[in-house]
Protein backbone atom coordinates (compact mmCIF):
# COMPACT_ATOMS: atom_id res chain seq x y z
CA MET A 1 -29.19 -24.17 -23.55
CA PHE A 2 -27.70 -20.77 -22.74
CA CYS A 3 -26.82 -19.43 -19.28
CA TYR A 4 -24.29 -17.15 -17.65
CA VAL A 5 -22.37 -16.90 -14.38
CA ASN A 6 -21.09 -13.66 -12.81
CA THR A 7 -17.49 -13.44 -11.71
CA GLY A 8 -14.94 -10.72 -11.02
CA ALA A 9 -11.45 -9.90 -12.25
CA ILE A 10 -8.72 -7.51 -11.14
CA THR A 11 -7.23 -4.97 -13.54
CA GLY A 12 -4.65 -3.05 -11.54
CA LEU A 13 -6.51 -2.41 -8.29
CA LYS A 14 -9.93 -2.08 -9.89
CA CYS A 15 -12.53 -4.80 -10.18
CA ALA A 16 -14.02 -5.60 -13.56
CA PHE A 17 -17.11 -7.80 -13.57
CA VAL A 18 -17.08 -10.58 -16.14
CA ARG A 19 -19.98 -12.70 -17.40
CA VAL A 20 -19.06 -16.30 -18.17
CA GLU A 21 -21.55 -17.04 -20.93
CA VAL A 22 -22.05 -20.75 -21.71
CA ASP A 23 -24.01 -22.15 -24.64
CA SER A 24 -24.59 -25.90 -24.92
CA SER A 25 -26.12 -26.90 -28.26
CA PRO A 26 -26.39 -30.06 -30.38
CA GLY A 27 -23.53 -30.75 -32.72
CA LEU A 28 -20.06 -32.20 -32.78
CA PRO A 29 -18.70 -32.43 -29.20
CA CYS A 30 -16.26 -29.58 -28.59
CA PHE A 31 -15.17 -27.16 -25.89
CA GLN A 32 -14.35 -23.67 -27.14
CA MET A 33 -13.45 -20.59 -25.12
CA VAL A 34 -13.23 -17.02 -26.42
CA GLY A 35 -13.05 -13.53 -24.93
CA TYR A 36 -9.47 -12.12 -25.08
CA LEU A 37 -7.99 -14.84 -22.89
CA GLY A 38 -4.58 -14.95 -21.23
CA SER A 39 -2.56 -18.14 -21.12
CA GLU A 40 -3.81 -19.14 -17.62
CA VAL A 41 -7.44 -18.77 -18.73
CA LYS A 42 -6.85 -20.81 -21.88
CA GLU A 43 -5.46 -23.59 -19.69
CA ALA A 44 -8.65 -23.49 -17.60
CA ARG A 45 -10.34 -25.66 -20.23
CA GLU A 46 -8.22 -28.66 -19.30
CA ARG A 47 -8.42 -28.00 -15.55
CA VAL A 48 -12.19 -27.71 -15.65
CA LYS A 49 -12.70 -30.83 -17.77
CA VAL A 50 -10.59 -33.00 -15.46
CA ALA A 51 -12.02 -31.42 -12.27
CA LEU A 52 -15.59 -32.11 -13.44
CA ARG A 53 -14.77 -35.72 -14.24
CA ASN A 54 -12.96 -36.32 -10.93
CA SER A 55 -15.88 -34.71 -9.05
CA GLY A 56 -18.37 -37.19 -10.49
CA PHE A 57 -19.80 -35.12 -13.33
CA VAL A 58 -19.95 -36.13 -16.96
CA LEU A 59 -19.08 -33.43 -19.46
CA PRO A 60 -22.03 -33.22 -21.88
CA ALA A 61 -21.34 -34.51 -25.39
CA THR A 62 -22.50 -31.26 -26.97
CA ASN A 63 -21.08 -28.21 -28.68
CA LEU A 64 -19.91 -26.11 -25.74
CA ASN A 65 -19.08 -22.49 -26.46
CA ILE A 66 -17.91 -20.25 -23.62
CA ASN A 67 -17.45 -16.50 -23.88
CA LEU A 68 -15.93 -14.33 -21.18
CA SER A 69 -17.61 -10.97 -21.63
CA PRO A 70 -16.76 -8.14 -22.15
CA ALA A 71 -14.29 -9.24 -24.79
CA ASN A 72 -12.26 -6.01 -24.75
CA ILE A 73 -10.80 -6.75 -21.28
CA ARG A 74 -7.89 -9.16 -21.19
CA LYS A 75 -8.66 -12.08 -18.84
CA SER A 76 -5.77 -13.41 -16.81
CA GLY A 77 -5.33 -15.47 -13.68
CA THR A 78 -6.95 -18.68 -12.48
CA SER A 79 -10.06 -17.33 -10.73
CA TYR A 80 -12.30 -18.19 -13.72
CA ASP A 81 -12.09 -21.98 -13.23
CA LEU A 82 -15.00 -22.30 -10.78
CA PRO A 83 -17.47 -20.01 -12.62
CA ILE A 84 -16.71 -21.83 -15.90
CA ALA A 85 -17.41 -25.19 -14.25
CA VAL A 86 -20.64 -23.89 -12.68
CA GLY A 87 -21.72 -22.44 -16.03
CA ILE A 88 -21.22 -25.81 -17.74
CA LEU A 89 -23.27 -27.55 -15.05
CA ALA A 90 -26.04 -24.96 -15.41
CA ALA A 91 -26.04 -25.23 -19.20
CA SER A 92 -26.31 -29.03 -18.95
CA GLY A 93 -29.32 -28.82 -16.62
CA SER A 94 -27.60 -29.93 -13.40
CA ILE A 95 -28.16 -26.50 -11.80
CA ASP A 96 -31.11 -24.13 -12.09
CA PRO A 97 -29.70 -20.99 -13.80
CA SER A 98 -32.25 -18.79 -12.01
CA GLY A 99 -30.39 -19.45 -8.75
CA LEU A 100 -27.30 -17.71 -10.13
CA GLU A 101 -28.85 -14.22 -10.27
CA LYS A 102 -27.02 -11.65 -8.12
CA VAL A 103 -24.43 -14.31 -7.19
CA LEU A 104 -20.72 -13.80 -7.79
CA ILE A 105 -18.53 -16.92 -8.10
CA ILE A 106 -14.72 -16.93 -7.89
CA GLY A 107 -12.18 -19.72 -7.51
CA GLU A 108 -9.37 -21.81 -8.96
CA LEU A 109 -9.89 -25.56 -9.42
CA SER A 110 -7.38 -28.30 -8.85
CA LEU A 111 -7.64 -31.47 -10.93
CA ASP A 112 -9.47 -33.30 -8.13
CA GLY A 113 -12.08 -30.55 -7.77
CA ASP A 114 -10.63 -28.76 -4.74
CA ILE A 115 -11.15 -25.00 -4.76
CA ARG A 116 -7.92 -23.09 -4.24
CA HIS A 117 -6.99 -19.65 -2.95
CA VAL A 118 -7.03 -16.70 -5.37
CA SER A 119 -5.59 -13.19 -5.04
CA GLY A 120 -7.53 -9.93 -5.11
CA ILE A 121 -10.67 -11.11 -3.30
CA LEU A 122 -11.00 -8.04 -1.07
CA PRO A 123 -11.45 -5.37 -3.79
CA ILE A 124 -13.70 -7.72 -5.79
CA VAL A 125 -16.07 -8.39 -2.88
CA LYS A 126 -16.08 -4.70 -1.92
CA GLU A 127 -17.06 -3.69 -5.46
CA ALA A 128 -19.63 -6.50 -5.67
CA ALA A 129 -21.36 -5.26 -2.51
CA GLY A 130 -21.51 -1.77 -4.00
CA ARG A 131 -23.00 -3.10 -7.26
CA GLY A 132 -25.90 -4.85 -5.55
CA PHE A 133 -24.73 -8.46 -5.55
CA LYS A 134 -26.34 -10.40 -2.71
CA LYS A 135 -23.96 -13.33 -2.42
CA VAL A 136 -20.40 -14.34 -3.31
CA ILE A 137 -19.07 -17.90 -3.43
CA LEU A 138 -15.32 -18.10 -3.04
CA PRO A 139 -12.54 -20.42 -1.81
CA MET A 140 -12.64 -21.35 1.88
CA SER A 141 -9.16 -19.88 2.37
CA ASN A 142 -10.47 -16.47 1.22
CA VAL A 143 -13.49 -16.38 3.53
CA LYS A 144 -11.92 -14.26 6.30
CA GLU A 145 -10.80 -11.75 3.72
CA GLY A 146 -14.22 -11.55 2.05
CA SER A 147 -16.08 -11.32 5.36
CA LEU A 148 -14.49 -7.92 6.06
CA ILE A 149 -17.02 -6.40 3.65
CA PRO A 150 -20.55 -5.87 5.03
CA ASP A 151 -23.84 -5.95 3.09
CA ILE A 152 -23.04 -9.12 1.15
CA ASP A 153 -23.26 -12.82 2.06
CA VAL A 154 -19.89 -14.57 1.81
CA ILE A 155 -20.05 -18.33 1.21
CA GLY A 156 -16.86 -20.38 1.47
CA ALA A 157 -16.48 -23.66 -0.43
CA GLY A 158 -13.71 -26.24 -0.42
CA HIS A 159 -14.77 -28.49 -3.33
CA LEU A 160 -16.65 -28.27 -6.61
CA ARG A 161 -19.12 -30.93 -5.42
CA GLU A 162 -20.10 -28.72 -2.45
CA VAL A 163 -20.85 -25.79 -4.78
CA MET A 164 -22.96 -27.99 -7.04
CA ASP A 165 -24.92 -29.44 -4.10
CA TYR A 166 -25.42 -25.95 -2.67
CA LEU A 167 -26.71 -24.38 -5.91
CA SER A 168 -28.96 -27.34 -6.79
CA ALA A 169 -30.57 -27.58 -3.32
CA PRO A 170 -33.76 -25.74 -2.33
CA THR A 171 -33.11 -22.32 -0.83
CA ASP A 172 -34.20 -23.31 2.68
CA GLU A 173 -31.79 -26.27 2.72
CA ARG A 174 -28.66 -24.53 1.45
CA GLU A 175 -27.44 -23.45 4.90
CA THR A 176 -26.95 -27.14 5.80
CA ILE A 177 -24.49 -27.57 2.91
CA LEU A 178 -22.44 -24.37 2.96
CA THR A 179 -22.61 -21.82 5.78
CA ARG A 180 -22.56 -18.08 5.32
CA ALA A 181 -19.52 -16.53 6.99
CA ASP A 182 -20.14 -14.04 9.80
CA HIS A 183 -19.14 -10.48 9.04
CA THR A 184 -15.79 -9.57 10.61
CA ASP A 185 -15.58 -6.31 12.55
CA ILE A 186 -12.60 -4.38 11.18
CA SER A 187 -12.12 -2.50 14.44
CA SER A 188 -11.33 -5.79 16.21
CA TYR A 189 -8.15 -6.05 14.15
CA LEU A 190 -7.23 -2.39 14.71
CA ARG A 191 -7.38 -2.71 18.50
CA LYS A 192 -4.18 -4.73 18.59
CA SER A 193 -1.50 -3.34 20.91
CA LEU A 194 1.69 -1.61 19.80
CA ASP A 195 3.58 -3.11 22.73
CA GLU A 196 5.53 -5.50 20.50
CA ALA A 197 6.73 -2.71 18.19
CA PRO A 198 10.31 -1.41 18.65
CA ASP A 199 10.38 1.49 21.08
CA PHE A 200 12.22 4.81 20.79
CA ALA A 201 13.26 4.38 24.43
CA ASP A 202 15.93 1.98 23.12
CA VAL A 203 17.61 4.85 21.27
CA ARG A 204 20.15 6.50 23.58
CA GLY A 205 21.02 10.08 22.84
CA GLN A 206 20.05 11.54 19.43
CA GLU A 207 17.34 13.68 21.02
CA SER A 208 17.47 16.17 18.16
CA VAL A 209 16.90 13.37 15.64
CA LYS A 210 14.02 12.06 17.76
CA ARG A 211 12.53 15.53 17.61
CA ALA A 212 12.85 15.55 13.82
CA ALA A 213 11.26 12.08 13.68
CA MET A 214 8.38 13.32 15.80
CA VAL A 215 7.79 16.28 13.47
CA ALA A 216 7.92 13.96 10.45
CA ALA A 217 5.40 11.54 11.99
CA ALA A 218 3.03 14.31 13.12
CA GLY A 219 2.65 15.74 9.61
CA PHE A 220 3.61 12.71 7.47
CA HIS A 221 6.68 14.52 6.13
CA HIS A 222 9.59 12.87 4.29
CA MET A 223 12.90 12.71 6.16
CA LEU A 224 16.55 12.06 5.29
CA MET A 225 19.14 11.16 7.95
CA ILE A 226 22.82 11.54 7.12
CA GLY A 227 25.61 10.42 9.41
CA PRO A 228 28.45 7.95 10.01
CA PRO A 229 27.97 4.18 10.31
CA GLY A 230 26.59 2.94 13.63
CA SER A 231 25.04 6.26 14.67
CA GLY A 232 21.52 4.83 14.91
CA LYS A 233 19.89 5.83 11.59
CA THR A 234 18.40 2.40 10.86
CA MET A 235 17.41 1.96 14.51
CA ILE A 236 15.43 5.21 14.41
CA ALA A 237 13.76 4.37 11.09
CA LYS A 238 12.53 0.99 12.35
CA ARG A 239 10.76 2.74 15.21
CA MET A 240 8.87 5.23 13.05
CA PRO A 241 5.71 3.05 12.73
CA SER A 242 5.45 2.96 16.54
CA ILE A 243 4.71 6.71 16.67
CA LEU A 244 2.52 7.05 13.59
CA PRO A 245 -1.24 7.39 14.11
CA PRO A 246 -3.07 4.04 13.79
CA LEU A 247 -4.77 3.18 10.53
CA THR A 248 -8.41 4.17 10.21
CA PRO A 249 -10.84 1.42 9.05
CA GLU A 250 -10.97 3.01 5.59
CA GLU A 251 -7.17 3.15 5.34
CA ALA A 252 -6.85 -0.44 6.57
CA LEU A 253 -9.18 -1.67 3.81
CA GLU A 254 -7.33 0.45 1.24
CA VAL A 255 -3.92 -0.95 2.21
CA SER A 256 -5.26 -4.51 2.54
CA ALA A 257 -6.68 -4.34 -0.98
CA ILE A 258 -3.17 -3.66 -2.33
CA TYR A 259 -1.75 -6.62 -0.42
CA SER A 260 -4.68 -8.78 -1.54
CA VAL A 261 -3.98 -8.06 -5.22
CA SER A 262 -0.29 -8.77 -4.60
CA GLY A 263 -1.15 -12.12 -2.98
CA GLN A 264 0.53 -11.11 0.29
CA LEU A 265 -2.40 -11.39 2.69
CA ARG A 266 -2.11 -14.38 5.04
CA ASP A 267 -5.10 -16.61 5.74
CA ASP A 268 -4.84 -15.83 9.46
CA GLN A 269 -4.40 -12.07 8.87
CA PRO A 270 -6.92 -10.89 6.26
CA LEU A 271 -6.45 -7.23 7.19
CA ILE A 272 -3.34 -5.06 7.41
CA SER A 273 -3.89 -3.53 10.84
CA PHE A 274 -0.61 -1.57 11.21
CA ARG A 275 0.93 1.02 8.96
CA PRO A 276 3.27 -0.80 6.56
CA TYR A 277 7.03 -0.59 6.98
CA ILE A 278 8.92 -1.55 3.81
CA ALA A 279 12.73 -1.52 3.63
CA PRO A 280 13.93 -2.76 0.21
CA HIS A 281 17.57 -3.66 -0.45
CA HIS A 282 19.55 -1.18 -2.52
CA THR A 283 19.79 -3.70 -5.39
CA ILE A 284 16.04 -3.44 -6.05
CA THR A 285 15.11 -2.99 -9.71
CA GLU A 286 13.06 -0.16 -11.19
CA GLN A 287 10.14 -2.47 -11.94
CA ALA A 288 10.11 -3.96 -8.44
CA LEU A 289 10.01 -0.48 -6.94
CA ALA A 290 7.38 1.00 -9.25
CA GLY A 291 5.35 -2.12 -10.07
CA GLY A 292 4.28 -3.58 -13.38
CA GLY A 293 5.27 -6.76 -15.17
CA VAL A 294 3.41 -8.85 -17.73
CA ARG A 295 0.56 -9.10 -15.24
CA ALA A 296 0.78 -5.66 -13.67
CA ARG A 297 1.25 -5.84 -9.92
CA PRO A 298 1.80 -3.12 -7.30
CA GLY A 299 5.43 -2.31 -6.58
CA VAL A 300 7.21 -1.60 -3.31
CA ILE A 301 6.14 2.05 -3.22
CA SER A 302 2.50 0.94 -3.39
CA LEU A 303 3.01 -1.74 -0.73
CA ALA A 304 4.25 1.11 1.51
CA HIS A 305 1.02 3.08 0.92
CA ARG A 306 -0.13 4.84 4.12
CA GLY A 307 3.06 3.68 5.81
CA VAL A 308 6.84 4.04 5.78
CA LEU A 309 9.23 3.36 2.90
CA PHE A 310 12.74 3.19 4.33
CA LEU A 311 15.68 3.46 1.95
CA ASP A 312 18.77 2.48 3.92
CA GLU A 313 22.05 3.49 2.30
CA MET A 314 20.14 5.65 -0.17
CA THR A 315 23.27 6.63 -2.07
CA GLU A 316 23.86 2.95 -2.94
CA PHE A 317 20.60 2.73 -4.90
CA ASP A 318 20.76 3.05 -8.65
CA ARG A 319 20.07 6.66 -9.56
CA ALA A 320 17.51 5.77 -12.23
CA THR A 321 15.64 3.69 -9.65
CA LEU A 322 15.53 6.60 -7.20
CA GLU A 323 14.28 9.00 -9.86
CA ILE A 324 11.15 6.86 -10.28
CA MET A 325 9.93 8.21 -6.95
CA ARG A 326 9.90 11.85 -8.03
CA GLN A 327 6.41 11.74 -9.52
CA PRO A 328 4.80 9.53 -6.81
CA LEU A 329 6.18 11.76 -4.06
CA GLU A 330 4.21 14.65 -5.56
CA ASP A 331 1.08 12.93 -6.91
CA LYS A 332 0.71 10.22 -4.22
CA GLN A 333 0.14 7.65 -6.96
CA ILE A 334 2.01 5.99 -9.79
CA ASN A 335 0.79 5.42 -13.33
CA ILE A 336 2.06 2.38 -15.22
CA VAL A 337 1.41 1.94 -18.94
CA ARG A 338 1.83 -1.49 -20.53
CA ASN A 339 0.64 -3.12 -23.73
CA SER A 340 -2.18 -4.73 -21.75
CA GLY A 341 -3.45 -1.38 -20.45
CA SER A 342 -2.86 1.53 -18.12
CA TYR A 343 -2.80 0.98 -14.36
CA THR A 344 -2.84 3.44 -11.47
CA TYR A 345 -1.66 2.38 -8.01
CA PRO A 346 -1.76 4.51 -4.84
CA ALA A 347 1.64 5.51 -3.43
CA ASP A 348 0.98 7.84 -0.51
CA PHE A 349 3.93 6.83 1.67
CA MET A 350 6.30 8.53 4.09
CA LEU A 351 9.84 8.35 2.73
CA ILE A 352 12.48 7.83 5.41
CA ALA A 353 15.99 7.63 3.99
CA ALA A 354 19.45 7.22 5.48
CA CYS A 355 22.88 7.58 3.98
CA ASN A 356 26.53 8.01 4.84
CA PRO A 357 28.18 11.35 3.98
CA CYS A 358 30.95 9.72 1.89
CA PRO A 359 32.14 6.29 0.66
CA CYS A 360 33.99 5.58 3.91
CA GLY A 361 31.21 7.10 5.98
CA TYR A 362 33.10 9.57 8.18
CA TYR A 363 33.15 12.88 6.31
CA PRO A 364 33.62 15.65 7.52
CA ASP A 365 35.67 14.11 10.36
CA MET A 366 39.05 14.40 8.67
CA ASN A 367 40.69 12.36 11.44
CA LYS A 368 38.84 9.31 10.08
CA CYS A 369 37.80 10.23 6.53
CA ARG A 370 40.28 9.59 3.73
CA CYS A 371 37.95 10.41 0.81
CA SER A 372 38.91 13.13 -1.65
CA PRO A 373 36.48 16.03 -2.30
CA SER A 374 35.68 14.63 -5.73
CA GLN A 375 34.85 11.23 -4.24
CA VAL A 376 32.52 12.83 -1.69
CA SER A 377 30.84 14.95 -4.37
CA ARG A 378 30.42 12.01 -6.74
CA TYR A 379 29.02 9.83 -3.93
CA LEU A 380 26.41 12.36 -2.78
CA SER A 381 25.42 13.31 -6.34
CA ARG A 382 23.69 9.93 -6.66
CA ILE A 383 20.78 11.68 -4.97
CA SER A 384 19.56 14.30 -7.43
CA GLY A 385 18.59 17.85 -6.55
CA PRO A 386 14.93 17.47 -7.59
CA LEU A 387 14.59 14.40 -5.36
CA LEU A 388 16.22 16.20 -2.41
CA ASP A 389 13.84 19.10 -2.99
CA ARG A 390 10.92 16.76 -2.25
CA ILE A 391 12.30 15.75 1.17
CA ASP A 392 11.01 18.04 3.93
CA ILE A 393 13.45 17.18 6.73
CA CYS A 394 17.19 16.60 6.50
CA CYS A 395 18.99 15.97 9.78
CA GLU A 396 22.53 15.05 10.74
CA VAL A 397 22.97 12.03 12.98
CA GLU A 398 26.19 12.28 14.94
CA SER A 399 28.10 9.44 16.53
CA VAL A 400 27.16 8.83 20.16
CA GLU A 401 30.12 8.38 22.47
CA LEU A 402 29.79 5.88 25.31
CA CYS A 403 31.39 8.25 27.80
CA LYS A 404 28.85 11.02 27.23
CA PRO A 405 25.86 11.46 29.59
CA GLU A 406 23.25 10.97 26.86
CA TYR A 407 24.38 7.34 26.43
CA ASP A 408 23.75 6.52 30.12
CA SER A 409 21.64 3.34 30.02
CA THR A 410 20.19 4.09 33.46
CA ARG A 411 18.56 7.30 32.24
CA PRO A 412 15.24 6.67 30.48
CA GLY A 413 15.05 8.18 27.01
CA LEU A 414 12.03 9.59 25.24
CA SER A 415 9.79 6.59 24.58
CA SER A 416 7.42 5.93 21.68
CA GLY A 417 4.50 6.36 24.08
CA ASP A 418 5.72 9.83 25.10
CA MET A 419 6.18 10.80 21.47
CA ARG A 420 2.75 9.45 20.47
CA ALA A 421 1.11 11.56 23.18
CA LYS A 422 2.64 14.72 21.70
CA ILE A 423 1.88 13.65 18.15
CA GLU A 424 -1.74 13.00 19.09
CA ILE A 425 -2.11 16.70 19.95
CA ALA A 426 -0.95 17.62 16.45
CA ARG A 427 -3.16 14.94 14.90
CA GLN A 428 -6.26 16.23 16.68
CA ARG A 429 -5.57 19.71 15.39
CA GLN A 430 -5.17 18.40 11.84
CA SER A 431 -8.32 16.29 12.10
CA HIS A 432 -10.30 19.35 13.15
CA ARG A 433 -8.68 21.54 10.49
CA PHE A 434 -9.33 19.09 7.65
CA ARG A 435 -12.71 17.81 8.86
CA ASN A 436 -14.49 18.99 5.70
CA MET A 437 -11.61 18.23 3.33
CA LYS A 438 -10.12 15.11 1.80
CA LEU A 439 -6.90 15.60 3.76
CA GLN A 440 -5.44 14.00 6.85
CA PHE A 441 -1.92 15.40 7.28
CA ASN A 442 -0.29 18.78 6.76
CA ALA A 443 2.06 17.30 4.17
CA GLU A 444 -0.94 16.70 1.88
CA MET A 445 -1.88 20.38 1.61
CA SER A 446 -1.93 21.95 -1.85
CA GLY A 447 -0.68 25.46 -2.65
CA ARG A 448 -4.17 26.89 -2.25
CA ASP A 449 -4.59 25.16 1.11
CA ILE A 450 -1.25 26.57 2.28
CA GLU A 451 -2.29 30.13 1.42
CA ARG A 452 -5.47 29.75 3.44
CA ILE A 453 -4.12 27.80 6.44
CA CYS A 454 -0.48 28.90 6.84
CA LYS A 455 -0.95 32.65 7.09
CA LEU A 456 2.05 34.63 8.33
CA ARG A 457 2.44 37.99 10.01
CA ALA A 458 4.76 40.66 8.60
CA ALA A 459 7.79 39.67 10.72
CA GLN A 460 7.47 35.99 9.84
CA GLN A 461 6.96 36.79 6.15
CA LEU A 462 10.13 38.88 6.24
CA LEU A 463 12.05 35.98 7.79
CA ILE A 464 11.03 33.41 5.21
CA SER A 465 11.40 35.89 2.31
CA SER A 466 14.94 36.65 3.44
CA ALA A 467 15.74 32.94 3.68
CA TYR A 468 14.19 32.38 0.24
CA GLU A 469 16.50 34.95 -1.33
CA THR A 470 19.64 34.13 0.68
CA LEU A 471 19.45 30.35 0.35
CA GLY A 472 18.11 30.31 -3.22
CA LEU A 473 15.12 28.16 -2.33
CA SER A 474 12.63 26.91 -4.91
CA ALA A 475 8.89 27.55 -4.81
CA ARG A 476 8.43 23.92 -3.80
CA SER A 477 10.84 24.41 -0.89
CA TYR A 478 8.93 27.53 0.17
CA HIS A 479 5.65 25.64 0.36
CA ARG A 480 7.21 22.68 2.13
CA ILE A 481 8.76 24.95 4.77
CA LEU A 482 5.33 26.44 5.46
CA LYS A 483 3.75 22.99 5.78
CA LEU A 484 6.56 21.91 8.09
CA SER A 485 6.11 25.05 10.18
CA ARG A 486 2.40 24.33 10.51
CA THR A 487 3.20 20.84 11.83
CA ILE A 488 5.71 22.19 14.35
CA ALA A 489 3.10 24.69 15.56
CA ASP A 490 0.56 21.86 15.88
CA LEU A 491 3.02 19.89 18.01
CA GLU A 492 3.28 22.91 20.31
CA ASP A 493 -0.54 23.19 20.30
CA LYS A 494 -0.37 26.68 18.83
CA ASP A 495 -2.93 28.30 16.53
CA GLU A 496 -0.45 30.54 14.73
CA ILE A 497 2.95 29.90 13.17
CA SER A 498 5.65 31.80 15.06
CA GLU A 499 9.18 32.79 14.10
CA GLU A 500 10.52 29.92 16.23
CA HIS A 501 8.45 27.44 14.24
CA LEU A 502 9.68 28.89 10.95
CA SER A 503 13.29 28.85 12.14
CA GLU A 504 13.07 25.18 13.12
CA ALA A 505 11.50 24.31 9.76
CA LEU A 506 14.24 26.24 7.94
CA PHE A 507 16.87 24.38 9.95
CA TYR A 508 15.44 21.00 8.95
CA ARG A 509 15.17 22.14 5.35
CA THR A 510 18.74 23.43 5.02
CA SER A 511 20.71 21.02 7.22
CA GLY A 512 21.98 19.18 4.17
CA SER A 513 23.49 22.29 2.59
CA ARG A 514 26.97 21.51 3.94
CA TYR A 515 26.88 18.24 1.97
CA TRP A 516 24.95 19.14 -1.17
CA GLY A 517 25.56 22.88 -1.22
CA ARG A 518 21.86 23.66 -1.45
């Protein structure tokens, strides 16, 4: 008897639907599996045989041939165990194959028949709903994750016996065996308060850096802070998520799908409801940052998608590792090519970086710094010019002295709530401006968008042209200054870019010239 079971697999972040085709025919008893199988899938034969026996089923003494179609896609992972077991039961007559139409089955089996958690459920269920599947049977621990997707019935199962009883029962009796999970409203997760997030009110002084952080958050611009140890660079970076606009439902699903594929979604938190904040150690490898591996997985820059990637002590990172980010910072995605295929992961993150100005950290304060000019130059050259050119804002963070008024703990500083209120003005302007475009932030504008949106008068054009010639700016720098100016104007709730806005943008763009000479 021939039958098939529908299941899903993850290749990169995309879902590929696989048919588990089972043929049970007379002949010498055997159990063969074909279909471009990875090592985990080859091992499924033993897991399934033992799980069936320990669940009270007798493997038929027939010639069992199983094909995972299409055969040109490499099958990896352990999510094929349950559909293979169900296919064998259907081929042996224990389950009516007609009840498997428009049903997707996913799950790993333990040797006693328990159904275990698998990664990548969210993008699979989302794609299944779009392809017209009516029902998906998956591990009980994945139910909350699957129930985020509407228009498809999500059935959670904890044991192989439950799945068999469910599929073999009459349709009107199935609800008494396994219950359909209620659809989860995504907005209920996004309503969570930001009260527990670190607040900018804790940062004393550094009002100019707070202003730069506000501009960066309003337009999703990249920012580099340079200053001595203990000046508050890390403290400021940790508070950036508290002033970023909340995730939209579409963004939350997009980010959660990445974490689902990476196996980093918790059972009690099936949705990433806040913008990610990722701060890798400077010893991170190129592969960990970019992603990949034998079974390609998203890297750190993809886990920071729609959020903040903070590189503390940026000059301590390996230069080759830093250079990986050049292409993602422009294209908002990263392409990874391996023998098993080509994978594309989203990487639309805000880069926040911090570094010291020299090995000892105190340049140009010659009362404290003992580094030679060559040591300073060699230290800062770990950040290449092309990478610096992709960072919109560079600001100096000076040491805050306890005796100065700005460090007075009794005086309230600018809080995250105050900054969010101002940023919301800029965000509303951008939402209205990009309402018919696939853009959200000013930093995402292309050259053509800049020409249409960031129009300048003669005096302002003269100012930026003069700066372009005097400072030796690149065409990329020119466009980034215009985008930054547009964000500053949005923060001031202005329709047009003024000379003051351009001057502030130029200041942010050229503040690092005393260190890098550009």
